[in-house]
Amino acid sequence: MEQKSTIRCHLSAIMGERKMKIVDVMNASGVGRFQVTRLYREEHMEAITLGTCVKIADGLGVSLDELISYTPAEKTEE
């Protein structure tokens, strides 16, 4: 059985460290509440655009690697 790849967003951890609220991220990045909330909750990550992630990363002064991590699926030999 093949494992699924995973995309993780570390926005909630970054916000927690900095004691930020969603509105603070919105103001810093120019990204709307709906998209910020989706990233915060890690909901429907496959539907978030790269442009949105870049805007948030730039607004928070972090690299894209610090904001988003990707783990590819492990292929198993049958």
C-alpha atoms as a PDB file:
ATOM      1  CA  MET A   1       0.000   0.000   0.000  1.00  0.00           C
ATOM      2  CA  GLU A   2       1.373   3.397  -0.979  1.00  0.00           C
ATOM      3  CA  GLN A   3       1.397   6.206   1.569  1.00  0.00           C
ATOM      4  CA  LYS A   4       0.033   9.591   0.577  1.00  0.00           C
ATOM      5  CA  SER A   5       2.296  12.590   0.318  1.00  0.00           C
ATOM      6  CA  THR A   6       1.715  15.285   2.917  1.00  0.00           C
ATOM      7  CA  ILE A   7       1.774  19.043   2.791  1.00  0.00           C
ATOM      8  CA  ARG A   8       2.059  20.735   6.179  1.00  0.00           C
ATOM      9  CA  CYS A   9       1.654  24.396   7.018  1.00  0.00           C
ATOM     10  CA  HIS A  10       3.462  25.789  10.039  1.00  0.00           C
ATOM     11  CA  LEU A  11       1.495  29.046  10.168  1.00  0.00           C
ATOM     12  CA  SER A  12      -0.177  28.230  13.489  1.00  0.00           C
ATOM     13  CA  ALA A  13       3.209  27.528  15.110  1.00  0.00           C
ATOM     14  CA  ILE A  14       4.696  30.758  13.721  1.00  0.00           C
ATOM     15  CA  MET A  15       1.678  32.726  14.893  1.00  0.00           C
ATOM     16  CA  GLY A  16       1.863  31.116  18.331  1.00  0.00           C
ATOM     17  CA  GLU A  17       5.555  31.943  18.742  1.00  0.00           C
ATOM     18  CA  ARG A  18       4.895  35.557  17.765  1.00  0.00           C
ATOM     19  CA  LYS A  19       1.562  35.819  19.596  1.00  0.00           C
ATOM     20  CA  MET A  20      -0.130  36.881  16.352  1.00  0.00           C
ATOM     21  CA  LYS A  21      -3.796  36.729  15.432  1.00  0.00           C
ATOM     22  CA  ILE A  22      -5.262  35.966  12.014  1.00  0.00           C
ATOM     23  CA  VAL A  23      -5.933  39.669  11.473  1.00  0.00           C
ATOM     24  CA  ASP A  24      -2.216  40.373  12.084  1.00  0.00           C
ATOM     25  CA  VAL A  25      -1.272  37.912   9.331  1.00  0.00           C
ATOM     26  CA  MET A  26      -3.899  39.447   7.044  1.00  0.00           C
ATOM     27  CA  ASN A  27      -2.482  42.928   7.595  1.00  0.00           C
ATOM     28  CA  ALA A  28       1.125  41.816   7.168  1.00  0.00           C
ATOM     29  CA  SER A  29       0.514  39.821   3.984  1.00  0.00           C
ATOM     30  CA  GLY A  30      -2.505  41.325   2.255  1.00  0.00           C
ATOM     31  CA  VAL A  31      -4.110  37.877   2.099  1.00  0.00           C
ATOM     32  CA  GLY A  32      -7.797  37.544   2.992  1.00  0.00           C
ATOM     33  CA  ARG A  33      -9.206  35.940   6.132  1.00  0.00           C
ATOM     34  CA  PHE A  34     -10.561  32.866   4.317  1.00  0.00           C
ATOM     35  CA  GLN A  35      -7.164  31.858   2.904  1.00  0.00           C
ATOM     36  CA  VAL A  36      -5.246  32.642   6.109  1.00  0.00           C
ATOM     37  CA  THR A  37      -7.738  30.591   8.130  1.00  0.00           C
ATOM     38  CA  ARG A  38      -7.430  27.651   5.712  1.00  0.00           C
ATOM     39  CA  LEU A  39      -3.657  27.674   6.092  1.00  0.00           C
ATOM     40  CA  TYR A  40      -3.892  28.107   9.862  1.00  0.00           C
ATOM     41  CA  ARG A  41      -6.188  25.073  10.118  1.00  0.00           C
ATOM     42  CA  GLU A  42      -4.350  23.155   7.359  1.00  0.00           C
ATOM     43  CA  GLU A  43      -7.637  22.656   5.511  1.00  0.00           C
ATOM     44  CA  HIS A  44      -7.709  21.905   1.772  1.00  0.00           C
ATOM     45  CA  MET A  45      -3.980  22.509   1.466  1.00  0.00           C
ATOM     46  CA  GLU A  46      -3.990  21.276  -2.130  1.00  0.00           C
ATOM     47  CA  ALA A  47      -6.226  24.204  -3.119  1.00  0.00           C
ATOM     48  CA  ILE A  48      -3.969  26.958  -1.724  1.00  0.00           C
ATOM     49  CA  THR A  49      -1.940  28.689  -4.418  1.00  0.00           C
ATOM     50  CA  LEU A  50       1.788  29.141  -4.282  1.00  0.00           C
ATOM     51  CA  GLY A  51       1.254  32.893  -4.668  1.00  0.00           C
ATOM     52  CA  THR A  52      -0.790  32.982  -1.466  1.00  0.00           C
ATOM     53  CA  CYS A  53       1.920  31.101   0.425  1.00  0.00           C
ATOM     54  CA  VAL A  54       4.607  33.450  -0.898  1.00  0.00           C
ATOM     55  CA  LYS A  55       2.620  36.531   0.164  1.00  0.00           C
ATOM     56  CA  ILE A  56       2.199  35.170   3.684  1.00  0.00           C
ATOM     57  CA  ALA A  57       5.842  34.095   3.944  1.00  0.00           C
ATOM     58  CA  ASP A  58       6.997  37.531   2.734  1.00  0.00           C
ATOM     59  CA  GLY A  59       4.598  39.311   5.084  1.00  0.00           C
ATOM     60  CA  LEU A  60       5.874  37.316   8.056  1.00  0.00           C
ATOM     61  CA  GLY A  61       9.521  37.537   7.018  1.00  0.00           C
ATOM     62  CA  VAL A  62      10.003  33.771   6.824  1.00  0.00           C
ATOM     63  CA  SER A  63      11.127  31.499   4.007  1.00  0.00           C
ATOM     64  CA  LEU A  64       8.643  29.362   2.135  1.00  0.00           C
ATOM     65  CA  ASP A  65      10.398  26.319   3.640  1.00  0.00           C
ATOM     66  CA  GLU A  66       9.651  27.622   7.127  1.00  0.00           C
ATOM     67  CA  LEU A  67       5.970  28.125   6.264  1.00  0.00           C
ATOM     68  CA  ILE A  68       5.257  24.987   4.224  1.00  0.00           C
ATOM     69  CA  SER A  69       6.777  21.512   4.305  1.00  0.00           C
ATOM     70  CA  TYR A  70       6.203  18.670   1.863  1.00  0.00           C
ATOM     71  CA  THR A  71       6.834  14.988   2.448  1.00  0.00           C
ATOM     72  CA  PRO A  72       6.597  12.822  -0.675  1.00  0.00           C
ATOM     73  CA  ALA A  73       4.818   9.500  -0.568  1.00  0.00           C
ATOM     74  CA  GLU A  74       6.975   6.482   0.120  1.00  0.00           C
ATOM     75  CA  LYS A  75       6.790   4.001  -2.684  1.00  0.00           C
ATOM     76  CA  THR A  76       6.661   0.397  -1.639  1.00  0.00           C
ATOM     77  CA  GLU A  77       7.839  -2.449  -3.796  1.00  0.00           C
ATOM     78  CA  GLU A  78       5.200  -5.039  -4.529  1.00  0.00           C
END
